[in-house]
Amino acid sequence: MVLSAKDLAYREIVASAVCGRGSKYSQTTYTLRPANRPTTIGGCWVMNHTYDAELVGDYVEIHGRFDVNVWYSYNGNSETAVAKDTVSYVEQIALRELDTAAERETREVSVRVLQNPNCLDATVTGNGSEILVRVEKELGVEVVGKTKLCVVTCELAEKKDEDFADGDEDLLEEAEVED
């Protein structure tokens, strides 16, 4: 079967598609000031991670927070306590492959936590009144928006829809377009 240019038409299909993505790994040191002067650190936990994200120009800005709990000894290692603090952060994640053709008002930001906030180490400072906690995390973002796809269509008058169901899909591969 030979198709001529007059048999071809174009259609625009509206679809939701990923129109930008990015990720960021970070390590940040936070300072906790416990009620007692710590002697040694027994352990550190990070929990209750929450965040919100918004698209700002060509990057995603994430506002988050989590709780840091440090178990420590004091009074010459004779007593223990837990220092607790809620810390906040702001991360700006640059987007790769940002498709500016996607409709701005339909864009939605999706955040994935690739590495939950995790304590790498906790140490007592030199003067002994503070605890420094180093936390790592990795966040990934995707921006999804509506975009248009343009596809070439052709009229196949002699073929019916049910004919394709019978295994004649190779008809499209056999078709030649004449210019």
C-alpha atoms as a PDB file:
ATOM      1  CA  MET A   1       0.000   0.000   0.000  1.00  0.00           C
ATOM      2  CA  VAL A   2       1.358   3.421  -0.966  1.00  0.00           C
ATOM      3  CA  LEU A   3       0.259   6.521   0.945  1.00  0.00           C
ATOM      4  CA  SER A   4       0.364   9.991  -0.511  1.00  0.00           C
ATOM      5  CA  ALA A   5       0.867  13.256   1.395  1.00  0.00           C
ATOM      6  CA  LYS A   6      -2.878  13.986   1.129  1.00  0.00           C
ATOM      7  CA  ASP A   7      -3.578  10.819   3.165  1.00  0.00           C
ATOM      8  CA  LEU A   8      -1.508  12.124   6.093  1.00  0.00           C
ATOM      9  CA  ALA A   9      -2.767  14.348   8.883  1.00  0.00           C
ATOM     10  CA  TYR A  10      -1.460  15.530  12.224  1.00  0.00           C
ATOM     11  CA  ARG A  11      -3.019  15.216  15.657  1.00  0.00           C
ATOM     12  CA  GLU A  12      -2.039  16.819  18.920  1.00  0.00           C
ATOM     13  CA  ILE A  13      -2.294  14.596  21.960  1.00  0.00           C
ATOM     14  CA  VAL A  14      -2.329  16.217  25.401  1.00  0.00           C
ATOM     15  CA  ALA A  15      -0.501  14.128  28.001  1.00  0.00           C
ATOM     16  CA  SER A  16       1.020  14.450  31.444  1.00  0.00           C
ATOM     17  CA  ALA A  17       4.761  14.008  31.233  1.00  0.00           C
ATOM     18  CA  VAL A  18       7.857  14.514  33.350  1.00  0.00           C
ATOM     19  CA  CYS A  19       9.126  17.894  32.210  1.00  0.00           C
ATOM     20  CA  GLY A  20      12.004  18.282  34.663  1.00  0.00           C
ATOM     21  CA  ARG A  21      13.946  16.294  37.245  1.00  0.00           C
ATOM     22  CA  GLY A  22      16.827  16.668  39.635  1.00  0.00           C
ATOM     23  CA  SER A  23      18.409  15.362  42.832  1.00  0.00           C
ATOM     24  CA  LYS A  24      20.699  16.600  45.553  1.00  0.00           C
ATOM     25  CA  TYR A  25      22.811  14.925  48.227  1.00  0.00           C
ATOM     26  CA  SER A  26      23.813  17.036  51.212  1.00  0.00           C
ATOM     27  CA  GLN A  27      25.618  16.841  54.534  1.00  0.00           C
ATOM     28  CA  THR A  28      24.880  19.479  57.142  1.00  0.00           C
ATOM     29  CA  THR A  29      26.165  19.982  60.687  1.00  0.00           C
ATOM     30  CA  TYR A  30      23.689  21.088  63.353  1.00  0.00           C
ATOM     31  CA  THR A  31      24.502  22.311  66.870  1.00  0.00           C
ATOM     32  CA  LEU A  32      22.549  21.055  69.903  1.00  0.00           C
ATOM     33  CA  ARG A  33      22.858  22.685  73.309  1.00  0.00           C
ATOM     34  CA  PRO A  34      21.891  20.108  75.945  1.00  0.00           C
ATOM     35  CA  ALA A  35      20.786  20.981  79.481  1.00  0.00           C
ATOM     36  CA  ASN A  36      23.895  19.290  80.950  1.00  0.00           C
ATOM     37  CA  ARG A  37      27.550  19.355  79.886  1.00  0.00           C
ATOM     38  CA  PRO A  38      27.968  16.098  77.913  1.00  0.00           C
ATOM     39  CA  THR A  39      30.887  13.757  78.587  1.00  0.00           C
ATOM     40  CA  THR A  40      30.350  11.165  75.826  1.00  0.00           C
ATOM     41  CA  ILE A  41      27.821  10.392  73.081  1.00  0.00           C
ATOM     42  CA  GLY A  42      25.846   7.144  73.321  1.00  0.00           C
ATOM     43  CA  GLY A  43      23.861   7.420  70.096  1.00  0.00           C
ATOM     44  CA  CYS A  44      22.036   9.711  67.688  1.00  0.00           C
ATOM     45  CA  TRP A  45      18.725   9.326  65.831  1.00  0.00           C
ATOM     46  CA  VAL A  46      17.012  11.435  63.207  1.00  0.00           C
ATOM     47  CA  MET A  47      13.241  11.016  62.813  1.00  0.00           C
ATOM     48  CA  ASN A  48       9.928  12.664  61.873  1.00  0.00           C
ATOM     49  CA  HIS A  49      11.103  14.087  58.563  1.00  0.00           C
ATOM     50  CA  THR A  50       8.515  16.329  56.866  1.00  0.00           C
ATOM     51  CA  TYR A  51       8.812  18.682  53.892  1.00  0.00           C
ATOM     52  CA  ASP A  52       6.984  20.839  51.345  1.00  0.00           C
ATOM     53  CA  ALA A  53       8.181  21.690  47.857  1.00  0.00           C
ATOM     54  CA  GLU A  54       7.457  24.331  45.255  1.00  0.00           C
ATOM     55  CA  LEU A  55       8.662  25.125  41.759  1.00  0.00           C
ATOM     56  CA  VAL A  56      10.620  28.385  41.658  1.00  0.00           C
ATOM     57  CA  GLY A  57      11.828  29.270  38.164  1.00  0.00           C
ATOM     58  CA  ASP A  58      14.136  26.490  36.984  1.00  0.00           C
ATOM     59  CA  TYR A  59      14.636  24.825  40.380  1.00  0.00           C
ATOM     60  CA  VAL A  60      12.576  23.206  43.140  1.00  0.00           C
ATOM     61  CA  GLU A  61      12.778  24.646  46.630  1.00  0.00           C
ATOM     62  CA  ILE A  62      12.166  22.237  49.512  1.00  0.00           C
ATOM     63  CA  HIS A  63      11.400  23.435  53.038  1.00  0.00           C
ATOM     64  CA  GLY A  64      11.818  20.604  55.527  1.00  0.00           C
ATOM     65  CA  ARG A  65      12.328  19.734  59.148  1.00  0.00           C
ATOM     66  CA  PHE A  66      13.208  16.740  61.285  1.00  0.00           C
ATOM     67  CA  ASP A  67      13.902  15.849  64.913  1.00  0.00           C
ATOM     68  CA  VAL A  68      17.425  15.105  66.131  1.00  0.00           C
ATOM     69  CA  ASN A  69      17.793  13.074  69.346  1.00  0.00           C
ATOM     70  CA  VAL A  70      21.202  12.548  70.919  1.00  0.00           C
ATOM     71  CA  TRP A  71      21.690  10.198  73.867  1.00  0.00           C
ATOM     72  CA  TYR A  72      24.648  11.351  75.925  1.00  0.00           C
ATOM     73  CA  SER A  73      26.293  10.858  79.305  1.00  0.00           C
ATOM     74  CA  TYR A  74      27.200  13.643  81.705  1.00  0.00           C
ATOM     75  CA  ASN A  75      28.486  14.198  85.221  1.00  0.00           C
ATOM     76  CA  GLY A  76      31.611  12.102  84.604  1.00  0.00           C
ATOM     77  CA  ASN A  77      29.691   9.363  82.728  1.00  0.00           C
ATOM     78  CA  SER A  78      27.511   8.694  85.794  1.00  0.00           C
ATOM     79  CA  GLU A  79      24.176   9.851  84.309  1.00  0.00           C
ATOM     80  CA  THR A  80      22.534   9.900  80.885  1.00  0.00           C
ATOM     81  CA  ALA A  81      20.022  12.121  79.106  1.00  0.00           C
ATOM     82  CA  VAL A  82      18.640  12.757  75.632  1.00  0.00           C
ATOM     83  CA  ALA A  83      19.096  16.116  73.908  1.00  0.00           C
ATOM     84  CA  LYS A  84      16.254  16.805  71.476  1.00  0.00           C
ATOM     85  CA  ASP A  85      15.904  19.483  68.839  1.00  0.00           C
ATOM     86  CA  THR A  86      13.818  20.074  65.733  1.00  0.00           C
ATOM     87  CA  VAL A  87      15.914  21.491  62.906  1.00  0.00           C
ATOM     88  CA  SER A  88      14.741  23.101  59.679  1.00  0.00           C
ATOM     89  CA  TYR A  89      16.372  23.225  56.271  1.00  0.00           C
ATOM     90  CA  VAL A  90      15.873  24.705  52.816  1.00  0.00           C
ATOM     91  CA  GLU A  91      17.251  22.873  49.763  1.00  0.00           C
ATOM     92  CA  GLN A  92      17.261  24.235  46.224  1.00  0.00           C
ATOM     93  CA  ILE A  93      17.434  21.482  43.622  1.00  0.00           C
ATOM     94  CA  ALA A  94      18.323  22.461  40.059  1.00  0.00           C
ATOM     95  CA  LEU A  95      16.256  20.808  37.336  1.00  0.00           C
ATOM     96  CA  ARG A  96      17.736  18.938  34.378  1.00  0.00           C
ATOM     97  CA  GLU A  97      15.814  18.498  31.150  1.00  0.00           C
ATOM     98  CA  LEU A  98      13.335  21.260  32.068  1.00  0.00           C
ATOM     99  CA  ASP A  99      10.724  21.456  29.303  1.00  0.00           C
ATOM    100  CA  THR A 100       9.512  25.030  29.234  1.00  0.00           C
ATOM    101  CA  ALA A 101       6.789  24.133  26.705  1.00  0.00           C
ATOM    102  CA  ALA A 102       4.772  22.291  29.365  1.00  0.00           C
ATOM    103  CA  GLU A 103       1.856  24.358  30.639  1.00  0.00           C
ATOM    104  CA  ARG A 104       3.000  26.295  33.710  1.00  0.00           C
ATOM    105  CA  GLU A 105      -0.328  26.232  35.519  1.00  0.00           C
ATOM    106  CA  THR A 106      -0.556  22.412  35.337  1.00  0.00           C
ATOM    107  CA  ARG A 107       2.908  21.639  36.722  1.00  0.00           C
ATOM    108  CA  GLU A 108       3.096  19.549  39.866  1.00  0.00           C
ATOM    109  CA  VAL A 109       6.187  18.870  41.965  1.00  0.00           C
ATOM    110  CA  SER A 110       6.857  15.374  43.283  1.00  0.00           C
ATOM    111  CA  VAL A 111       9.566  14.743  45.903  1.00  0.00           C
ATOM    112  CA  ARG A 112      11.184  11.388  46.641  1.00  0.00           C
ATOM    113  CA  VAL A 113      13.422  10.854  49.623  1.00  0.00           C
ATOM    114  CA  LEU A 114      16.332   8.900  48.135  1.00  0.00           C
ATOM    115  CA  GLN A 115      18.237   8.828  51.464  1.00  0.00           C
ATOM    116  CA  ASN A 116      16.360   9.616  54.669  1.00  0.00           C
ATOM    117  CA  PRO A 117      18.079  12.108  56.960  1.00  0.00           C
ATOM    118  CA  ASN A 118      20.637  10.052  58.856  1.00  0.00           C
ATOM    119  CA  CYS A 119      23.174  10.906  61.556  1.00  0.00           C
ATOM    120  CA  LEU A 120      26.716  10.347  60.302  1.00  0.00           C
ATOM    121  CA  ASP A 121      28.376  11.376  63.575  1.00  0.00           C
ATOM    122  CA  ALA A 122      27.802  13.315  66.775  1.00  0.00           C
ATOM    123  CA  THR A 123      30.664  14.841  68.751  1.00  0.00           C
ATOM    124  CA  VAL A 124      31.054  16.949  71.867  1.00  0.00           C
ATOM    125  CA  THR A 125      32.672  20.314  71.081  1.00  0.00           C
ATOM    126  CA  GLY A 126      35.985  21.410  72.564  1.00  0.00           C
ATOM    127  CA  ASN A 127      34.479  23.464  75.372  1.00  0.00           C
ATOM    128  CA  GLY A 128      32.039  20.639  76.198  1.00  0.00           C
ATOM    129  CA  SER A 129      28.801  22.601  76.164  1.00  0.00           C
ATOM    130  CA  GLU A 130      27.515  21.692  72.683  1.00  0.00           C
ATOM    131  CA  ILE A 131      27.014  18.634  70.534  1.00  0.00           C
ATOM    132  CA  LEU A 132      27.717  18.814  66.796  1.00  0.00           C
ATOM    133  CA  VAL A 133      25.573  16.448  64.717  1.00  0.00           C
ATOM    134  CA  ARG A 134      26.412  15.780  61.055  1.00  0.00           C
ATOM    135  CA  VAL A 135      23.356  14.674  59.042  1.00  0.00           C
ATOM    136  CA  GLU A 136      23.207  13.376  55.464  1.00  0.00           C
ATOM    137  CA  LYS A 137      20.177  13.217  53.171  1.00  0.00           C
ATOM    138  CA  GLU A 138      19.386  12.910  49.476  1.00  0.00           C
ATOM    139  CA  LEU A 139      16.254  14.200  47.789  1.00  0.00           C
ATOM    140  CA  GLY A 140      14.993  13.663  44.255  1.00  0.00           C
ATOM    141  CA  VAL A 141      12.361  15.762  42.481  1.00  0.00           C
ATOM    142  CA  GLU A 142      10.258  15.472  39.353  1.00  0.00           C
ATOM    143  CA  VAL A 143       8.092  18.130  37.779  1.00  0.00           C
ATOM    144  CA  VAL A 144       5.084  16.772  35.899  1.00  0.00           C
ATOM    145  CA  GLY A 145       3.087  18.972  33.535  1.00  0.00           C
ATOM    146  CA  LYS A 146       0.699  18.759  30.625  1.00  0.00           C
ATOM    147  CA  THR A 147       2.348  18.879  27.251  1.00  0.00           C
ATOM    148  CA  LYS A 148       1.331  18.293  23.635  1.00  0.00           C
ATOM    149  CA  LEU A 149       2.623  15.534  21.421  1.00  0.00           C
ATOM    150  CA  CYS A 150       2.264  15.902  17.669  1.00  0.00           C
ATOM    151  CA  VAL A 151       1.714  12.652  15.797  1.00  0.00           C
ATOM    152  CA  VAL A 152       1.280  11.840  12.125  1.00  0.00           C
ATOM    153  CA  THR A 153      -1.939  10.030  11.274  1.00  0.00           C
ATOM    154  CA  CYS A 154      -3.110   8.525   8.024  1.00  0.00           C
ATOM    155  CA  GLU A 155      -6.425   7.326   6.662  1.00  0.00           C
ATOM    156  CA  LEU A 156      -6.585   3.600   6.000  1.00  0.00           C
ATOM    157  CA  ALA A 157      -9.954   3.393   4.252  1.00  0.00           C
ATOM    158  CA  GLU A 158      -9.773  -0.220   3.187  1.00  0.00           C
ATOM    159  CA  LYS A 159      -8.836  -1.529   6.642  1.00  0.00           C
ATOM    160  CA  LYS A 160     -11.382  -1.856   9.443  1.00  0.00           C
ATOM    161  CA  ASP A 161     -10.562  -1.681  13.150  1.00  0.00           C
ATOM    162  CA  GLU A 162     -11.339  -5.354  13.686  1.00  0.00           C
ATOM    163  CA  ASP A 163      -8.813  -6.264  10.981  1.00  0.00           C
ATOM    164  CA  PHE A 164      -6.025  -4.954  13.195  1.00  0.00           C
ATOM    165  CA  ALA A 165      -7.184  -7.181  16.028  1.00  0.00           C
ATOM    166  CA  ASP A 166      -6.615 -10.206  13.793  1.00  0.00           C
ATOM    167  CA  GLY A 167      -2.837  -9.674  13.651  1.00  0.00           C
ATOM    168  CA  ASP A 168      -2.358  -7.346  10.651  1.00  0.00           C
ATOM    169  CA  GLU A 169      -0.410  -4.729  12.630  1.00  0.00           C
ATOM    170  CA  ASP A 170       2.428  -5.067  10.118  1.00  0.00           C
ATOM    171  CA  LEU A 171       0.358  -3.031   7.641  1.00  0.00           C
ATOM    172  CA  LEU A 172       1.679   0.135   9.206  1.00  0.00           C
ATOM    173  CA  GLU A 173       5.245  -1.072   8.777  1.00  0.00           C
ATOM    174  CA  GLU A 174       4.631  -1.816   5.091  1.00  0.00           C
ATOM    175  CA  ALA A 175       3.142   1.582   4.315  1.00  0.00           C
ATOM    176  CA  GLU A 176       5.365   3.877   2.272  1.00  0.00           C
ATOM    177  CA  VAL A 177       4.912   7.615   2.191  1.00  0.00           C
ATOM    178  CA  GLU A 178       5.189   9.373  -1.194  1.00  0.00           C
ATOM    179  CA  ASP A 179       6.369  12.952  -1.156  1.00  0.00           C
END
